[in-house]
């Protein structure tokens, strides 16, 4: 395609076969049949057509499969039960850091975790132009009509111990003229529950319009679930923080670690990166189990700002020579439904974890988030983050430079006790090749 040209507008693209979609893309980009793009795309198709069809159905216009590394972090002791945790991530040091922290805390009592609540929220947003006292007075009758009208939808969930826990009328007319909400609180048991909640909300909206003159704006669950929360912590006597691999005594380490975390309470720039480290671990397990990492992240970051200022999500307490490090975070995840049941590797992840229910999955995910964060902060206040991260990243650099297995071995030995940068590795490889 020459400079300034545009792709042609296409209609009915979603109805094309995967081969036809690929042919259209290749022709529009003026790529030769059988070129590198086509080869790469086709290379990642599964050989079994039935298995590939499963992935094709996950999204519209699927062209191929994008592979991500799937690793495991062993030695996670959570509430005295040992787990080998699956993690999906492309970042070099994430699994290593989580596994290192898991091993460290395994001999110090492990991780403790407690689910505080599992409530989720859905809203019907609507406008009501008549006198608000009329709507308020009518709501007790409406509430009965609404709850009775969705019994066919909630029957199975109620049988499992879930369903609708509360239904409120929220007056927002002081913020937006004539704006009100129906706010429903749900318990969805082992399901994340998005489809269930949205179906109920749309039925609420229909019943509402049949009984009151309103204009429904939208009906949708909220991914902000501040009452679907798990707390995870590790603790030990400060003396047990002794680590001969760092040049720092346990008391100094504990105090410096606490200060590093206290900084995240007053500086949002540091808090964002601190929380990103937590989500390095959380996202990896959420993805491995087929859950929605985008919803989990959005909720977690909103929760970090719940006090009016964005802050770090972890807390450090030093009390009577006891070191306590904790994470409190909302996690709306499921173990049934959606990709958790359809994706073969998500199914394998649940088998690896011993088929946990949703509360136990919340505990596992949050423990990995706390572990990942512990390793990150520990590195920051001791050796620095780059030393460990770049050693893990060394292999990526070597692959980018087309290093042979012999050169990989040589580079690993050479940089074992040295700092690493792309330029340093590039110079090392080039110098060695000139000598050969």
Protein backbone atom coordinates (compact mmCIF):
# COMPACT_ATOMS: atom_id res chain seq x y z
CA UNK A 1 0.00 0.00 0.00
CA UNK A 2 1.50 3.32 -1.03
CA UNK A 3 1.79 6.30 1.29
CA UNK A 4 -1.51 8.09 1.84
CA UNK A 5 -3.73 5.17 0.79
CA UNK A 6 -6.49 3.96 3.06
CA UNK A 7 -8.05 0.56 3.62
CA UNK A 8 -11.30 0.03 1.74
CA UNK A 9 -14.51 0.12 3.77
CA UNK A 10 -15.71 -3.44 4.18
CA UNK A 11 -19.20 -4.73 4.95
CA UNK A 12 -20.11 -8.21 6.13
CA UNK A 13 -16.56 -8.84 7.35
CA UNK A 14 -17.76 -10.87 10.34
CA UNK A 15 -19.58 -13.26 8.01
CA UNK A 16 -16.39 -14.18 6.14
CA UNK A 17 -14.50 -17.36 6.99
CA UNK A 18 -11.17 -17.01 8.74
CA UNK A 19 -9.40 -17.71 5.44
CA UNK A 20 -11.46 -15.05 3.66
CA UNK A 21 -10.74 -12.51 6.39
CA UNK A 22 -7.03 -13.23 6.08
CA UNK A 23 -7.16 -12.96 2.28
CA UNK A 24 -8.89 -9.58 2.54
CA UNK A 25 -6.30 -8.26 4.99
CA UNK A 26 -3.39 -9.48 2.87
CA UNK A 27 -4.87 -7.94 -0.28
CA UNK A 28 -5.69 -4.63 1.41
CA UNK A 29 -2.21 -4.29 2.84
CA UNK A 30 -0.72 -5.21 -0.52
CA UNK A 31 0.98 -8.22 1.02
CA UNK A 32 1.98 -11.12 -1.18
CA UNK A 33 0.12 -14.43 -0.68
CA UNK A 34 2.21 -16.68 1.53
CA UNK A 35 4.14 -13.75 3.00
CA UNK A 36 5.35 -13.47 6.57
CA UNK A 37 2.09 -12.05 7.96
CA UNK A 38 0.02 -14.92 6.60
CA UNK A 39 2.58 -17.47 7.77
CA UNK A 40 2.64 -16.07 11.31
CA UNK A 41 -1.16 -15.94 11.53
CA UNK A 42 -1.63 -19.49 10.25
CA UNK A 43 1.24 -20.81 12.38
CA UNK A 44 -0.79 -20.23 15.56
CA UNK A 45 -3.95 -21.95 14.35
CA UNK A 46 -4.63 -25.20 16.19
CA UNK A 47 -4.30 -28.27 13.98
CA UNK A 48 -7.56 -29.71 15.27
CA UNK A 49 -10.37 -27.73 13.55
CA UNK A 50 -12.87 -28.46 16.33
CA UNK A 51 -10.52 -27.13 18.99
CA UNK A 52 -9.75 -24.06 16.89
CA UNK A 53 -13.48 -23.43 16.40
CA UNK A 54 -13.83 -23.08 20.19
CA UNK A 55 -11.35 -20.18 20.19
CA UNK A 56 -12.91 -18.67 17.07
CA UNK A 57 -16.21 -18.41 18.92
CA UNK A 58 -14.79 -16.49 21.89
CA UNK A 59 -14.68 -13.17 19.99
CA UNK A 60 -15.92 -11.76 16.69
CA UNK A 61 -13.52 -11.56 13.74
CA UNK A 62 -11.03 -13.93 15.33
CA UNK A 63 -8.04 -14.32 13.05
CA UNK A 64 -5.65 -16.42 15.10
CA UNK A 65 -4.53 -17.26 18.64
CA UNK A 66 -2.16 -15.01 20.58
CA UNK A 67 -0.01 -17.12 22.88
CA UNK A 68 1.00 -15.93 26.35
CA UNK A 69 3.42 -17.71 28.69
CA UNK A 70 1.65 -19.94 31.22
CA UNK A 71 3.80 -20.64 34.26
CA UNK A 72 3.36 -21.82 37.82
CA UNK A 73 4.49 -20.54 41.21
CA UNK A 74 4.87 -23.41 43.71
CA UNK A 75 5.07 -23.39 47.52
CA UNK A 76 2.15 -21.04 48.20
CA UNK A 77 0.92 -21.86 51.69
CA UNK A 78 -2.48 -20.18 52.12
CA UNK A 79 -4.43 -20.83 55.33
CA UNK A 80 -2.11 -23.82 55.91
CA UNK A 81 -2.92 -25.38 52.54
CA UNK A 82 -0.22 -25.69 49.89
CA UNK A 83 -0.89 -24.54 46.32
CA UNK A 84 0.96 -24.54 43.02
CA UNK A 85 -0.52 -21.45 41.37
CA UNK A 86 -0.92 -20.98 37.59
CA UNK A 87 0.07 -17.57 36.20
CA UNK A 88 -0.28 -16.09 32.72
CA UNK A 89 2.02 -13.12 32.07
CA UNK A 90 4.54 -11.80 29.59
CA UNK A 91 6.63 -9.87 32.14
CA UNK A 92 9.90 -11.66 32.78
CA UNK A 93 10.25 -11.45 36.55
CA UNK A 94 6.66 -11.79 37.75
CA UNK A 95 6.45 -15.56 38.26
CA UNK A 96 9.96 -15.70 39.71
CA UNK A 97 9.18 -12.91 42.20
CA UNK A 98 5.91 -14.52 43.30
CA UNK A 99 7.56 -17.93 43.72
CA UNK A 100 10.43 -16.41 45.68
CA UNK A 101 8.06 -14.68 48.10
CA UNK A 102 5.96 -17.84 48.43
CA UNK A 103 9.05 -19.80 49.45
CA UNK A 104 10.17 -17.04 51.84
CA UNK A 105 6.84 -16.95 53.68
CA UNK A 106 6.28 -20.71 53.53
CA UNK A 107 8.69 -21.17 56.43
CA UNK A 108 7.23 -18.19 58.31
CA UNK A 109 3.63 -19.33 58.61
CA UNK A 110 2.50 -18.73 55.07
CA UNK A 111 -0.29 -16.45 53.90
CA UNK A 112 -3.53 -15.96 55.82
CA UNK A 113 -6.65 -14.88 53.93
CA UNK A 114 -10.24 -14.08 54.82
CA UNK A 115 -13.14 -13.16 52.54
CA UNK A 116 -14.95 -10.25 54.17
CA UNK A 117 -17.94 -10.10 51.82
CA UNK A 118 -19.06 -11.14 48.33
CA UNK A 119 -21.69 -8.57 47.44
CA UNK A 120 -21.94 -7.23 43.89
CA UNK A 121 -23.91 -4.27 42.60
CA UNK A 122 -26.10 -3.55 39.59
CA UNK A 123 -27.93 -0.35 38.66
CA UNK A 124 -30.86 0.80 36.57
CA UNK A 125 -30.25 4.45 35.69
CA UNK A 126 -33.37 6.45 34.84
CA UNK A 127 -35.01 9.88 34.69
CA UNK A 128 -38.21 10.77 36.55
CA UNK A 129 -39.66 14.23 35.91
CA UNK A 130 -42.60 14.33 38.31
CA UNK A 131 -42.41 15.32 41.98
CA UNK A 132 -39.84 13.10 43.66
CA UNK A 133 -41.99 12.50 46.76
CA UNK A 134 -44.45 10.62 44.55
CA UNK A 135 -41.70 8.21 43.45
CA UNK A 136 -40.43 7.82 47.00
CA UNK A 137 -43.92 7.08 48.26
CA UNK A 138 -44.55 4.58 45.49
CA UNK A 139 -41.27 2.71 45.94
CA UNK A 140 -42.38 0.17 48.61
CA UNK A 141 -45.08 -1.05 46.18
CA UNK A 142 -42.62 -0.93 43.26
CA UNK A 143 -40.02 -2.91 45.19
CA UNK A 144 -42.47 -5.77 45.69
CA UNK A 145 -43.43 -5.68 42.01
CA UNK A 146 -39.80 -5.66 40.91
CA UNK A 147 -38.66 -8.51 43.16
CA UNK A 148 -41.69 -10.66 42.34
CA UNK A 149 -41.18 -9.97 38.63
CA UNK A 150 -37.69 -11.50 38.53
CA UNK A 151 -38.31 -14.62 40.61
CA UNK A 152 -38.09 -16.79 37.51
CA UNK A 153 -34.61 -15.40 36.85
CA UNK A 154 -33.32 -15.65 40.42
CA UNK A 155 -34.79 -19.03 41.39
CA UNK A 156 -31.70 -21.13 40.57
CA UNK A 157 -29.28 -18.64 42.09
CA UNK A 158 -31.35 -18.49 45.28
CA UNK A 159 -31.32 -22.29 45.45
CA UNK A 160 -27.51 -22.09 45.53
CA UNK A 161 -27.59 -19.56 48.36
CA UNK A 162 -27.36 -16.38 46.28
CA UNK A 163 -29.74 -13.98 44.58
CA UNK A 164 -30.84 -10.42 45.28
CA UNK A 165 -29.89 -9.22 48.76
CA UNK A 166 -31.32 -5.70 48.60
CA UNK A 167 -32.98 -3.23 46.25
CA UNK A 168 -32.80 0.52 46.87
CA UNK A 169 -34.05 3.69 45.22
CA UNK A 170 -31.22 6.22 45.00
CA UNK A 171 -31.97 9.92 44.47
CA UNK A 172 -29.26 11.59 42.38
CA UNK A 173 -31.41 14.49 41.20
CA UNK A 174 -29.27 17.03 43.07
CA UNK A 175 -26.32 16.03 40.90
CA UNK A 176 -28.11 15.49 37.57
CA UNK A 177 -31.61 16.86 37.06
CA UNK A 178 -34.32 14.19 37.40
CA UNK A 179 -31.75 11.39 37.72
CA UNK A 180 -32.47 8.34 39.90
CA UNK A 181 -31.16 4.80 40.27
CA UNK A 182 -32.40 1.40 41.22
CA UNK A 183 -29.44 -0.06 43.07
CA UNK A 184 -29.53 -3.83 43.49
CA UNK A 185 -27.15 -5.86 45.64
CA UNK A 186 -26.44 -9.42 44.54
CA UNK A 187 -24.75 -12.57 45.80
CA UNK A 188 -23.71 -14.74 42.84
CA UNK A 189 -22.03 -17.66 44.69
CA UNK A 190 -19.32 -19.23 42.51
CA UNK A 191 -20.16 -17.23 39.38
CA UNK A 192 -18.72 -13.82 38.60
CA UNK A 193 -22.36 -13.18 37.70
CA UNK A 194 -22.22 -10.43 35.07
CA UNK A 195 -24.75 -12.03 32.72
CA UNK A 196 -27.07 -12.98 35.56
CA UNK A 197 -26.98 -9.47 37.04
CA UNK A 198 -27.49 -7.71 33.71
CA UNK A 199 -30.43 -9.96 32.80
CA UNK A 200 -32.13 -9.19 36.12
CA UNK A 201 -31.47 -5.46 35.74
CA UNK A 202 -33.01 -5.33 32.27
CA UNK A 203 -36.10 -7.07 33.63
CA UNK A 204 -36.20 -4.51 36.45
CA UNK A 205 -36.07 -1.73 33.86
CA UNK A 206 -38.98 -3.23 31.92
CA UNK A 207 -41.13 -3.65 35.05
CA UNK A 208 -40.30 -0.10 36.13
CA UNK A 209 -41.49 1.37 32.82
CA UNK A 210 -44.72 -0.62 33.06
CA UNK A 211 -45.55 0.90 36.46
CA UNK A 212 -44.09 4.42 36.41
CA UNK A 213 -43.55 7.08 33.77
CA UNK A 214 -39.75 7.03 33.58
CA UNK A 215 -37.06 7.19 30.92
CA UNK A 216 -34.56 4.37 31.40
CA UNK A 217 -31.05 5.44 30.43
CA UNK A 218 -29.28 2.10 30.94
CA UNK A 219 -29.23 -1.07 33.01
CA UNK A 220 -25.80 -2.51 33.86
CA UNK A 221 -23.78 -4.11 36.64
CA UNK A 222 -21.05 -2.09 38.31
CA UNK A 223 -17.51 -3.42 38.24
CA UNK A 224 -16.87 -1.42 41.39
CA UNK A 225 -17.51 -4.00 44.13
CA UNK A 226 -16.24 -2.48 47.40
CA UNK A 227 -18.23 -5.09 49.35
CA UNK A 228 -16.75 -8.07 47.54
CA UNK A 229 -13.51 -7.94 49.48
CA UNK A 230 -10.76 -10.29 50.61
CA UNK A 231 -8.04 -9.52 53.15
CA UNK A 232 -4.70 -11.33 53.00
CA UNK A 233 -1.71 -10.97 55.29
CA UNK A 234 1.65 -12.38 56.34
CA UNK A 235 3.26 -11.91 59.72
CA UNK A 236 6.27 -13.03 61.72
CA UNK A 237 8.63 -11.78 64.42
CA UNK A 238 10.99 -9.18 62.99
CA UNK A 239 13.95 -11.42 63.80
CA UNK A 240 12.59 -13.96 61.28
CA UNK A 241 12.98 -11.42 58.46
CA UNK A 242 16.71 -12.16 58.55
CA UNK A 243 17.98 -12.72 55.02
CA UNK A 244 21.69 -13.32 54.49
CA UNK A 245 21.37 -12.41 50.80
CA UNK A 246 20.74 -8.75 51.64
CA UNK A 247 23.11 -6.32 53.32
CA UNK A 248 20.63 -5.25 55.98
CA UNK A 249 19.57 -6.46 59.42
CA UNK A 250 15.97 -7.55 60.02
CA UNK A 251 15.01 -4.52 62.14
CA UNK A 252 16.35 -2.06 59.57
CA UNK A 253 14.68 -4.03 56.80
CA UNK A 254 11.29 -3.95 58.55
CA UNK A 255 11.48 -0.22 59.21
CA UNK A 256 12.60 0.60 55.67
CA UNK A 257 9.93 -1.69 54.21
CA UNK A 258 7.26 0.08 56.26
CA UNK A 259 8.51 3.50 55.18
CA UNK A 260 8.44 2.43 51.52
CA UNK A 261 4.79 1.44 51.93
CA UNK A 262 3.90 4.54 53.94
CA UNK A 263 5.13 6.64 51.02
CA UNK A 264 2.39 5.09 48.86
CA UNK A 265 -0.19 6.64 51.21
CA UNK A 266 1.01 10.20 50.53
CA UNK A 267 2.34 10.07 46.95
CA UNK A 268 0.00 8.87 44.17
CA UNK A 269 2.89 8.60 41.69
CA UNK A 270 4.51 5.94 43.85
CA UNK A 271 1.13 4.43 44.78
CA UNK A 272 0.24 3.68 41.15
CA UNK A 273 3.48 1.78 40.57
CA UNK A 274 3.17 0.04 43.94
CA UNK A 275 -0.34 -1.16 43.06
CA UNK A 276 0.78 -2.13 39.57
CA UNK A 277 3.16 -4.54 41.28
CA UNK A 278 0.24 -6.06 43.16
CA UNK A 279 -1.70 -6.48 39.93
CA UNK A 280 1.32 -8.11 38.26
CA UNK A 281 0.51 -11.09 40.45
CA UNK A 282 -3.27 -10.73 40.58
CA UNK A 283 -3.76 -10.32 36.82
CA UNK A 284 -1.60 -13.34 36.07
CA UNK A 285 -3.83 -15.66 38.13
CA UNK A 286 -7.04 -13.97 36.97
CA UNK A 287 -6.02 -14.59 33.35
CA UNK A 288 -4.94 -18.17 34.03
CA UNK A 289 -8.39 -18.92 35.44
CA UNK A 290 -10.31 -17.27 32.59
CA UNK A 291 -11.58 -14.35 34.67
CA UNK A 292 -11.84 -10.68 33.69
CA UNK A 293 -8.60 -8.93 34.64
CA UNK A 294 -9.83 -5.58 33.28
CA UNK A 295 -12.79 -5.55 35.68
CA UNK A 296 -10.57 -6.62 38.57
CA UNK A 297 -8.03 -3.87 37.83
CA UNK A 298 -10.63 -1.12 37.35
CA UNK A 299 -12.27 -2.04 40.64
CA UNK A 300 -8.97 -2.28 42.51
CA UNK A 301 -7.78 1.13 41.36
CA UNK A 302 -11.15 2.71 42.26
CA UNK A 303 -10.88 1.07 45.70
CA UNK A 304 -7.40 2.56 46.08
CA UNK A 305 -8.99 6.03 45.74
CA UNK A 306 -12.02 5.36 47.96
CA UNK A 307 -10.82 7.82 50.62
CA UNK A 308 -10.60 10.69 48.14
CA UNK A 309 -6.92 10.20 47.30
CA UNK A 310 -5.25 7.42 45.32
CA UNK A 311 -3.14 5.33 47.73
CA UNK A 312 -1.26 2.06 47.95
CA UNK A 313 -3.44 -0.96 48.70
CA UNK A 314 -1.15 -2.62 51.26
CA UNK A 315 -0.55 -1.87 54.93
CA UNK A 316 2.46 -2.48 57.18
CA UNK A 317 2.16 -2.71 60.95
CA UNK A 318 5.13 -3.16 63.28
CA UNK A 319 3.82 -4.00 66.74
CA UNK A 320 5.81 -5.44 69.63
CA UNK A 321 8.54 -6.65 67.26
CA UNK A 322 5.93 -8.33 65.05
CA UNK A 323 5.95 -7.53 61.31
CA UNK A 324 2.51 -7.67 59.64
CA UNK A 325 2.01 -7.00 55.94
CA UNK A 326 -1.52 -7.04 54.56
CA UNK A 327 -3.58 -6.44 51.44
CA UNK A 328 -7.29 -5.66 51.38
CA UNK A 329 -8.76 -5.67 47.90
CA UNK A 330 -12.07 -6.24 46.11
CA UNK A 331 -12.02 -9.28 43.81
CA UNK A 332 -15.15 -10.21 41.87
CA UNK A 333 -14.17 -13.52 40.28
CA UNK A 334 -15.91 -16.75 39.43
CA UNK A 335 -15.17 -20.45 39.12
CA UNK A 336 -18.10 -21.31 36.85
CA UNK A 337 -19.47 -19.75 33.67
CA UNK A 338 -17.82 -17.87 30.81
CA UNK A 339 -14.24 -18.72 29.89
CA UNK A 340 -13.72 -20.37 33.27
CA UNK A 341 -15.70 -23.31 31.88
CA UNK A 342 -14.85 -23.03 28.18
CA UNK A 343 -11.12 -22.38 27.94
CA UNK A 344 -9.16 -25.65 28.24
CA UNK A 345 -6.27 -24.01 30.11
CA UNK A 346 -8.66 -22.26 32.50
CA UNK A 347 -10.13 -25.67 33.25
CA UNK A 348 -6.60 -27.03 33.74
CA UNK A 349 -5.85 -24.15 36.13
CA UNK A 350 -8.81 -25.02 38.33
CA UNK A 351 -7.72 -28.65 38.40
CA UNK A 352 -4.20 -27.54 39.36
CA UNK A 353 -5.65 -25.47 42.22
CA UNK A 354 -7.83 -28.33 43.47
CA UNK A 355 -11.16 -26.97 42.17
CA UNK A 356 -11.53 -24.01 44.56
CA UNK A 357 -14.85 -22.25 45.02
CA UNK A 358 -15.07 -18.49 44.43
CA UNK A 359 -14.10 -17.46 48.00
CA UNK A 360 -11.04 -19.71 47.93
CA UNK A 361 -10.06 -18.36 44.50
CA UNK A 362 -10.28 -14.83 45.92
CA UNK A 363 -7.87 -15.88 48.68
CA UNK A 364 -5.42 -17.49 46.24
CA UNK A 365 -5.41 -14.51 43.87
CA UNK A 366 -4.92 -11.95 46.64
CA UNK A 367 -2.10 -14.01 48.19
CA UNK A 368 -0.23 -13.98 44.88
CA UNK A 369 -0.77 -10.22 44.63
CA UNK A 370 0.67 -9.68 48.10
CA UNK A 371 3.58 -12.04 47.38
CA UNK A 372 4.44 -10.27 44.15
CA UNK A 373 4.32 -6.91 45.90
CA UNK A 374 6.45 -8.13 48.79
CA UNK A 375 9.18 -9.23 46.39
CA UNK A 376 9.03 -5.94 44.49
CA UNK A 377 9.28 -3.73 47.58
CA UNK A 378 12.01 -5.95 49.05
CA UNK A 379 14.06 -5.54 45.88
CA UNK A 380 13.47 -1.79 45.78
CA UNK A 381 14.77 -1.18 49.30
CA UNK A 382 17.74 -3.56 48.98
CA UNK A 383 19.42 -4.40 45.67
CA UNK A 384 17.18 -2.26 43.47
CA UNK A 385 14.52 -3.47 41.07
CA UNK A 386 16.65 -3.67 37.95
CA UNK A 387 19.14 -6.26 39.14
CA UNK A 388 16.65 -9.08 39.44
CA UNK A 389 14.34 -7.87 36.68
CA UNK A 390 17.07 -7.45 34.07
CA UNK A 391 18.61 -10.83 34.84
CA UNK A 392 15.23 -12.33 34.01
CA UNK A 393 15.02 -10.07 30.97
CA UNK A 394 18.48 -11.11 29.73
CA UNK A 395 17.11 -14.07 27.80
CA UNK A 396 14.60 -11.82 25.98
CA UNK A 397 17.44 -9.52 24.90
CA UNK A 398 19.52 -12.47 23.73
CA UNK A 399 16.63 -13.87 21.69
CA UNK A 400 16.08 -10.44 20.12
CA UNK A 401 19.75 -10.44 19.09
CA UNK A 402 19.45 -13.93 17.60
CA UNK A 403 21.89 -15.46 20.08
CA UNK A 404 22.81 -19.11 19.70
CA UNK A 405 22.51 -21.53 22.63
CA UNK A 406 26.29 -21.27 23.10
CA UNK A 407 26.09 -17.47 23.17
CA UNK A 408 23.19 -17.63 25.66
CA UNK A 409 25.30 -19.75 28.01
CA UNK A 410 28.28 -17.42 27.64
CA UNK A 411 26.16 -14.35 28.29
CA UNK A 412 24.53 -15.85 31.38
CA UNK A 413 27.95 -16.60 32.85
CA UNK A 414 29.36 -13.18 31.92
CA UNK A 415 26.46 -11.17 33.36
CA UNK A 416 25.97 -13.33 36.45
CA UNK A 417 27.38 -10.63 38.73
CA UNK A 418 27.11 -7.61 36.42
CA UNK A 419 24.45 -5.02 35.72
CA UNK A 420 22.55 -5.61 32.50
CA UNK A 421 21.41 -3.26 29.75
CA UNK A 422 20.50 -3.86 26.13
CA UNK A 423 23.63 -2.04 24.96
CA UNK A 424 25.90 -4.06 27.25
CA UNK A 425 24.45 -7.33 25.98
CA UNK A 426 24.65 -6.13 22.36
CA UNK A 427 28.33 -5.19 22.77
CA UNK A 428 29.12 -8.51 24.46
CA UNK A 429 27.53 -10.58 21.68
CA UNK A 430 29.11 -8.53 18.90
CA UNK A 431 32.56 -8.62 20.51
CA UNK A 432 32.41 -12.39 20.88
CA UNK A 433 31.32 -12.84 17.27
CA UNK A 434 34.21 -10.71 16.00
CA UNK A 435 36.65 -12.93 17.88
CA UNK A 436 35.31 -16.08 16.27
